[in-house]
Amino acid sequence: MAASNHVPTGKELRLYCWSMQVMLDTVGSELQVVNNTEKTLQLQEDGKVVLTPDHGQEASSEILPINFSGLSKAVKKGDTIFVGQYLFTGSETTSVWLEVDEVREEDVVCVIKNTATLTGSLFTLHASQVHIDLPTLSDKDKEVFLFQKAAVYKCNMAGKPAVVTRVVDSMTGNLRPTRTEATDVANAVLDGKLLS
């Protein structure tokens, strides 16, 4: 069930909670690389790639359009950026580790630090230890929080377990929590659950 597509009615929620466990994940405060053509992108170690807020450009091995125009104001030479469908672990080839080499107006020129293959239409972009001027929560996320709160309550009333997992994973190494983490922590506090 995708949060952006459907918010169940009370009757549907009761049915979901009675018949199975419900899981909902929110996007979080993340920047994204947009690959409208969904062409596979091959990025080679020691090459260069430009991150640009110009959505009119097609994603390629040399240019990655992003959904945020303020990246060039937030990063500096030497900063680290990760791009991929999952957080970079250092042992995979489906995410790429970039190092900022130069900032040109709104564009950020990066050196590719590992060979990677990116497939799909959207990739998460994470600038490590860099403050990005984006709100942690939007109005839509507050709606998701209320839905999650109602879902946990109804599951508890139906005697079904509601499990919060991986609540603070990325907060150990990042400047701020993702929207998902903030929502999960708020729900756990309000429900009186212990987080570890």
C-alpha atoms as a PDB file:
ATOM      1  CA  MET A   1       0.000   0.000   0.000  1.00  0.00           C
ATOM      2  CA  ALA A   2       1.562   3.325  -1.041  1.00  0.00           C
ATOM      3  CA  ALA A   3       0.853   6.314   1.204  1.00  0.00           C
ATOM      4  CA  SER A   4       0.612   8.683  -1.751  1.00  0.00           C
ATOM      5  CA  ASN A   5      -2.033   6.608  -3.539  1.00  0.00           C
ATOM      6  CA  HIS A   6      -4.600   5.609  -0.952  1.00  0.00           C
ATOM      7  CA  VAL A   7      -5.519   6.301   2.647  1.00  0.00           C
ATOM      8  CA  PRO A   8      -7.896   3.563   3.808  1.00  0.00           C
ATOM      9  CA  THR A   9     -11.250   4.328   5.335  1.00  0.00           C
ATOM     10  CA  GLY A  10     -11.890   3.237   8.903  1.00  0.00           C
ATOM     11  CA  LYS A  11     -13.721   0.135   7.641  1.00  0.00           C
ATOM     12  CA  GLU A  12     -10.821  -0.796   5.325  1.00  0.00           C
ATOM     13  CA  LEU A  13      -8.313  -0.187   8.092  1.00  0.00           C
ATOM     14  CA  ARG A  14     -10.240  -2.483  10.460  1.00  0.00           C
ATOM     15  CA  LEU A  15     -10.268  -5.170   7.762  1.00  0.00           C
ATOM     16  CA  TYR A  16      -6.526  -4.773   7.116  1.00  0.00           C
ATOM     17  CA  CYS A  17      -5.670  -4.863  10.813  1.00  0.00           C
ATOM     18  CA  TRP A  18      -7.896  -7.875  11.471  1.00  0.00           C
ATOM     19  CA  SER A  19      -6.659  -9.965   8.571  1.00  0.00           C
ATOM     20  CA  MET A  20      -2.950  -9.124   8.484  1.00  0.00           C
ATOM     21  CA  GLN A  21      -0.218  -6.869   9.685  1.00  0.00           C
ATOM     22  CA  VAL A  22      -0.008  -3.488   7.974  1.00  0.00           C
ATOM     23  CA  MET A  23       3.293  -1.924   6.951  1.00  0.00           C
ATOM     24  CA  LEU A  24       3.704   1.627   5.707  1.00  0.00           C
ATOM     25  CA  ASP A  25       6.930   3.372   4.819  1.00  0.00           C
ATOM     26  CA  THR A  26       7.268   7.065   4.021  1.00  0.00           C
ATOM     27  CA  VAL A  27       9.821   8.521   1.625  1.00  0.00           C
ATOM     28  CA  GLY A  28      11.756  10.648   4.081  1.00  0.00           C
ATOM     29  CA  SER A  29      13.639  13.890   3.506  1.00  0.00           C
ATOM     30  CA  GLU A  30      15.700  12.783   0.598  1.00  0.00           C
ATOM     31  CA  LEU A  31      16.939  14.290  -2.612  1.00  0.00           C
ATOM     32  CA  GLN A  32      16.469  12.292  -5.780  1.00  0.00           C
ATOM     33  CA  VAL A  33      18.146  11.811  -9.129  1.00  0.00           C
ATOM     34  CA  VAL A  34      15.473  11.658 -11.850  1.00  0.00           C
ATOM     35  CA  ASN A  35      16.014   9.180 -14.692  1.00  0.00           C
ATOM     36  CA  ASN A  36      12.869   9.664 -16.809  1.00  0.00           C
ATOM     37  CA  THR A  37      14.032   7.341 -19.593  1.00  0.00           C
ATOM     38  CA  GLU A  38      14.912   4.565 -17.099  1.00  0.00           C
ATOM     39  CA  LYS A  39      18.012   3.783 -19.147  1.00  0.00           C
ATOM     40  CA  THR A  40      20.710   1.899 -17.268  1.00  0.00           C
ATOM     41  CA  LEU A  41      23.485   4.276 -16.222  1.00  0.00           C
ATOM     42  CA  GLN A  42      27.073   3.027 -16.089  1.00  0.00           C
ATOM     43  CA  LEU A  43      29.332   5.159 -13.885  1.00  0.00           C
ATOM     44  CA  GLN A  44      33.076   4.425 -14.012  1.00  0.00           C
ATOM     45  CA  GLU A  45      35.521   4.944 -11.146  1.00  0.00           C
ATOM     46  CA  ASP A  46      37.668   8.099 -11.541  1.00  0.00           C
ATOM     47  CA  GLY A  47      35.275   9.542 -14.139  1.00  0.00           C
ATOM     48  CA  LYS A  48      33.261  12.719 -13.597  1.00  0.00           C
ATOM     49  CA  VAL A  49      29.511  13.298 -13.407  1.00  0.00           C
ATOM     50  CA  VAL A  50      27.527  16.538 -13.063  1.00  0.00           C
ATOM     51  CA  LEU A  51      24.576  16.816 -10.682  1.00  0.00           C
ATOM     52  CA  THR A  52      22.210  19.457 -12.073  1.00  0.00           C
ATOM     53  CA  PRO A  53      18.754  20.753 -11.084  1.00  0.00           C
ATOM     54  CA  ASP A  54      17.873  21.033 -14.796  1.00  0.00           C
ATOM     55  CA  HIS A  55      15.091  18.465 -15.279  1.00  0.00           C
ATOM     56  CA  GLY A  56      15.084  19.140 -19.026  1.00  0.00           C
ATOM     57  CA  GLN A  57      18.286  17.149 -19.356  1.00  0.00           C
ATOM     58  CA  GLU A  58      18.273  13.394 -19.819  1.00  0.00           C
ATOM     59  CA  ALA A  59      20.108  11.328 -17.209  1.00  0.00           C
ATOM     60  CA  SER A  60      23.344   9.803 -18.502  1.00  0.00           C
ATOM     61  CA  SER A  61      26.711   8.603 -17.276  1.00  0.00           C
ATOM     62  CA  GLU A  62      27.915  12.233 -17.460  1.00  0.00           C
ATOM     63  CA  ILE A  63      24.886  14.127 -16.081  1.00  0.00           C
ATOM     64  CA  LEU A  64      22.374  13.352 -13.341  1.00  0.00           C
ATOM     65  CA  PRO A  65      19.312  15.656 -13.052  1.00  0.00           C
ATOM     66  CA  ILE A  66      18.242  16.144  -9.430  1.00  0.00           C
ATOM     67  CA  ASN A  67      15.014  17.351  -7.809  1.00  0.00           C
ATOM     68  CA  PHE A  68      16.626  20.135  -5.762  1.00  0.00           C
ATOM     69  CA  SER A  69      18.167  23.415  -6.894  1.00  0.00           C
ATOM     70  CA  GLY A  70      19.978  24.223  -3.636  1.00  0.00           C
ATOM     71  CA  LEU A  71      22.578  21.438  -3.634  1.00  0.00           C
ATOM     72  CA  SER A  72      25.288  23.687  -5.103  1.00  0.00           C
ATOM     73  CA  LYS A  73      24.828  26.116  -2.184  1.00  0.00           C
ATOM     74  CA  ALA A  74      25.101  23.337   0.413  1.00  0.00           C
ATOM     75  CA  VAL A  75      28.195  21.423  -0.745  1.00  0.00           C
ATOM     76  CA  LYS A  76      31.866  22.263  -1.195  1.00  0.00           C
ATOM     77  CA  LYS A  77      34.916  20.612  -2.742  1.00  0.00           C
ATOM     78  CA  GLY A  78      35.706  17.343  -0.990  1.00  0.00           C
ATOM     79  CA  ASP A  79      32.166  16.658   0.289  1.00  0.00           C
ATOM     80  CA  THR A  80      30.802  13.133  -0.147  1.00  0.00           C
ATOM     81  CA  ILE A  81      27.570  12.307  -1.986  1.00  0.00           C
ATOM     82  CA  PHE A  82      25.956   8.877  -2.333  1.00  0.00           C
ATOM     83  CA  VAL A  83      23.502   8.039  -5.134  1.00  0.00           C
ATOM     84  CA  GLY A  84      21.555   4.794  -5.473  1.00  0.00           C
ATOM     85  CA  GLN A  85      18.406   2.918  -4.607  1.00  0.00           C
ATOM     86  CA  TYR A  86      19.760   1.943  -1.176  1.00  0.00           C
ATOM     87  CA  LEU A  87      22.230   3.431   1.271  1.00  0.00           C
ATOM     88  CA  PHE A  88      25.822   2.924   0.163  1.00  0.00           C
ATOM     89  CA  THR A  89      27.602   0.149   2.052  1.00  0.00           C
ATOM     90  CA  GLY A  90      30.896   0.123   0.169  1.00  0.00           C
ATOM     91  CA  SER A  91      30.514  -3.424  -1.133  1.00  0.00           C
ATOM     92  CA  GLU A  92      27.826  -3.036  -3.758  1.00  0.00           C
ATOM     93  CA  THR A  93      27.725  -1.852  -7.339  1.00  0.00           C
ATOM     94  CA  THR A  94      24.151  -0.505  -7.319  1.00  0.00           C
ATOM     95  CA  SER A  95      25.066   2.755  -5.574  1.00  0.00           C
ATOM     96  CA  VAL A  96      27.760   5.249  -6.372  1.00  0.00           C
ATOM     97  CA  TRP A  97      30.049   7.201  -4.076  1.00  0.00           C
ATOM     98  CA  LEU A  98      30.841  10.692  -5.386  1.00  0.00           C
ATOM     99  CA  GLU A  99      33.249  13.359  -4.196  1.00  0.00           C
ATOM    100  CA  VAL A 100      32.504  16.999  -4.971  1.00  0.00           C
ATOM    101  CA  ASP A 101      35.239  18.361  -7.235  1.00  0.00           C
ATOM    102  CA  GLU A 102      33.772  21.718  -8.227  1.00  0.00           C
ATOM    103  CA  VAL A 103      30.619  23.849  -8.000  1.00  0.00           C
ATOM    104  CA  ARG A 104      29.550  25.692 -11.181  1.00  0.00           C
ATOM    105  CA  GLU A 105      26.565  27.952 -10.482  1.00  0.00           C
ATOM    106  CA  GLU A 106      23.727  25.431  -9.805  1.00  0.00           C
ATOM    107  CA  ASP A 107      25.722  22.408 -11.035  1.00  0.00           C
ATOM    108  CA  VAL A 108      27.878  20.177  -8.836  1.00  0.00           C
ATOM    109  CA  VAL A 109      30.754  18.402 -10.615  1.00  0.00           C
ATOM    110  CA  CYS A 110      31.783  15.169  -8.878  1.00  0.00           C
ATOM    111  CA  VAL A 111      34.525  12.562  -9.184  1.00  0.00           C
ATOM    112  CA  ILE A 112      33.137   9.005  -9.259  1.00  0.00           C
ATOM    113  CA  LYS A 113      34.817   6.968  -6.495  1.00  0.00           C
ATOM    114  CA  ASN A 114      33.491   3.495  -7.443  1.00  0.00           C
ATOM    115  CA  THR A 115      32.207   1.803 -10.577  1.00  0.00           C
ATOM    116  CA  ALA A 116      28.416   1.357 -10.378  1.00  0.00           C
ATOM    117  CA  THR A 117      25.364   0.532 -12.462  1.00  0.00           C
ATOM    118  CA  LEU A 118      22.199   2.500 -11.710  1.00  0.00           C
ATOM    119  CA  THR A 119      18.889   1.117 -12.993  1.00  0.00           C
ATOM    120  CA  GLY A 120      15.381   2.526 -12.587  1.00  0.00           C
ATOM    121  CA  SER A 121      13.698   5.917 -12.685  1.00  0.00           C
ATOM    122  CA  LEU A 122      14.577   7.378  -9.264  1.00  0.00           C
ATOM    123  CA  PHE A 123      17.702   7.189  -7.130  1.00  0.00           C
ATOM    124  CA  THR A 124      18.172   8.571  -3.641  1.00  0.00           C
ATOM    125  CA  LEU A 125      20.871  11.235  -3.314  1.00  0.00           C
ATOM    126  CA  HIS A 126      22.450  11.643   0.119  1.00  0.00           C
ATOM    127  CA  ALA A 127      25.015  14.330   0.859  1.00  0.00           C
ATOM    128  CA  SER A 128      26.974  12.985   3.836  1.00  0.00           C
ATOM    129  CA  GLN A 129      27.378  15.357   6.785  1.00  0.00           C
ATOM    130  CA  VAL A 130      26.024  18.294   4.755  1.00  0.00           C
ATOM    131  CA  HIS A 131      23.117  20.454   5.933  1.00  0.00           C
ATOM    132  CA  ILE A 132      20.474  20.520   3.194  1.00  0.00           C
ATOM    133  CA  ASP A 133      17.863  23.250   3.601  1.00  0.00           C
ATOM    134  CA  LEU A 134      14.744  21.084   3.323  1.00  0.00           C
ATOM    135  CA  PRO A 135      12.005  20.618   5.906  1.00  0.00           C
ATOM    136  CA  THR A 136      12.200  17.318   7.774  1.00  0.00           C
ATOM    137  CA  LEU A 137       8.415  16.982   7.657  1.00  0.00           C
ATOM    138  CA  SER A 138       5.868  18.264   5.138  1.00  0.00           C
ATOM    139  CA  ASP A 139       2.089  18.541   5.589  1.00  0.00           C
ATOM    140  CA  LYS A 140       1.718  15.251   3.720  1.00  0.00           C
ATOM    141  CA  ASP A 141       4.052  13.517   6.202  1.00  0.00           C
ATOM    142  CA  LYS A 142       1.880  14.820   9.104  1.00  0.00           C
ATOM    143  CA  GLU A 143      -1.063  13.066   7.414  1.00  0.00           C
ATOM    144  CA  VAL A 144       0.990   9.869   7.157  1.00  0.00           C
ATOM    145  CA  PHE A 145       1.862  10.165  10.838  1.00  0.00           C
ATOM    146  CA  LEU A 146      -1.848  10.339  11.728  1.00  0.00           C
ATOM    147  CA  PHE A 147      -2.559   7.333   9.517  1.00  0.00           C
ATOM    148  CA  GLN A 148       0.252   5.358  11.161  1.00  0.00           C
ATOM    149  CA  LYS A 149      -1.000   6.326  14.607  1.00  0.00           C
ATOM    150  CA  ALA A 150      -4.527   5.148  13.737  1.00  0.00           C
ATOM    151  CA  ALA A 151      -3.179   1.920  12.201  1.00  0.00           C
ATOM    152  CA  VAL A 152      -1.129   1.070  15.311  1.00  0.00           C
ATOM    153  CA  TYR A 153      -4.105   1.828  17.576  1.00  0.00           C
ATOM    154  CA  LYS A 154      -6.481  -0.332  15.543  1.00  0.00           C
ATOM    155  CA  CYS A 155      -3.958  -3.179  15.380  1.00  0.00           C
ATOM    156  CA  ASN A 156      -3.545  -2.969  19.162  1.00  0.00           C
ATOM    157  CA  MET A 157      -7.331  -3.005  19.651  1.00  0.00           C
ATOM    158  CA  ALA A 158      -7.601  -6.071  17.368  1.00  0.00           C
ATOM    159  CA  GLY A 159      -4.842  -7.853  19.271  1.00  0.00           C
ATOM    160  CA  LYS A 160      -2.503  -7.799  16.266  1.00  0.00           C
ATOM    161  CA  PRO A 161       1.151  -6.836  16.696  1.00  0.00           C
ATOM    162  CA  ALA A 162       2.402  -3.528  15.336  1.00  0.00           C
ATOM    163  CA  VAL A 163       6.173  -3.707  14.936  1.00  0.00           C
ATOM    164  CA  VAL A 164       8.478  -0.707  14.529  1.00  0.00           C
ATOM    165  CA  THR A 165      11.762  -1.780  12.919  1.00  0.00           C
ATOM    166  CA  ARG A 166      14.999  -0.039  11.993  1.00  0.00           C
ATOM    167  CA  VAL A 167      13.790   3.152  13.620  1.00  0.00           C
ATOM    168  CA  VAL A 168      17.066   5.010  14.024  1.00  0.00           C
ATOM    169  CA  ASP A 169      19.409   3.258  11.582  1.00  0.00           C
ATOM    170  CA  SER A 170      20.653   6.222   9.607  1.00  0.00           C
ATOM    171  CA  MET A 171      20.496   8.708  12.487  1.00  0.00           C
ATOM    172  CA  THR A 172      23.747   7.283  13.855  1.00  0.00           C
ATOM    173  CA  GLY A 173      25.753   8.840  11.028  1.00  0.00           C
ATOM    174  CA  ASN A 174      23.561  11.646   9.657  1.00  0.00           C
ATOM    175  CA  LEU A 175      22.908  15.198  10.759  1.00  0.00           C
ATOM    176  CA  ARG A 176      19.126  14.704  10.903  1.00  0.00           C
ATOM    177  CA  PRO A 177      16.570  11.888  10.862  1.00  0.00           C
ATOM    178  CA  THR A 178      14.585  10.905   7.799  1.00  0.00           C
ATOM    179  CA  ARG A 179      10.843  11.601   7.805  1.00  0.00           C
ATOM    180  CA  THR A 180      10.247   7.903   8.395  1.00  0.00           C
ATOM    181  CA  GLU A 181      12.483   7.888  11.454  1.00  0.00           C
ATOM    182  CA  ALA A 182      10.889  11.027  12.902  1.00  0.00           C
ATOM    183  CA  THR A 183       7.423   9.528  12.385  1.00  0.00           C
ATOM    184  CA  ASP A 184       8.390   6.163  13.867  1.00  0.00           C
ATOM    185  CA  VAL A 185       9.980   7.743  16.931  1.00  0.00           C
ATOM    186  CA  ALA A 186       6.935  10.008  17.466  1.00  0.00           C
ATOM    187  CA  ASN A 187       4.584   7.017  17.194  1.00  0.00           C
ATOM    188  CA  ALA A 188       6.686   4.931  19.547  1.00  0.00           C
ATOM    189  CA  VAL A 189       6.764   7.722  22.139  1.00  0.00           C
ATOM    190  CA  LEU A 190       3.020   8.323  21.901  1.00  0.00           C
ATOM    191  CA  ASP A 191       2.285   4.595  22.100  1.00  0.00           C
ATOM    192  CA  GLY A 192       4.610   4.125  25.066  1.00  0.00           C
ATOM    193  CA  LYS A 193       6.915   1.742  23.213  1.00  0.00           C
ATOM    194  CA  LEU A 194      10.548   1.289  24.074  1.00  0.00           C
ATOM    195  CA  LEU A 195      13.043   1.908  21.275  1.00  0.00           C
ATOM    196  CA  SER A 196      16.496   0.427  21.270  1.00  0.00           C
END
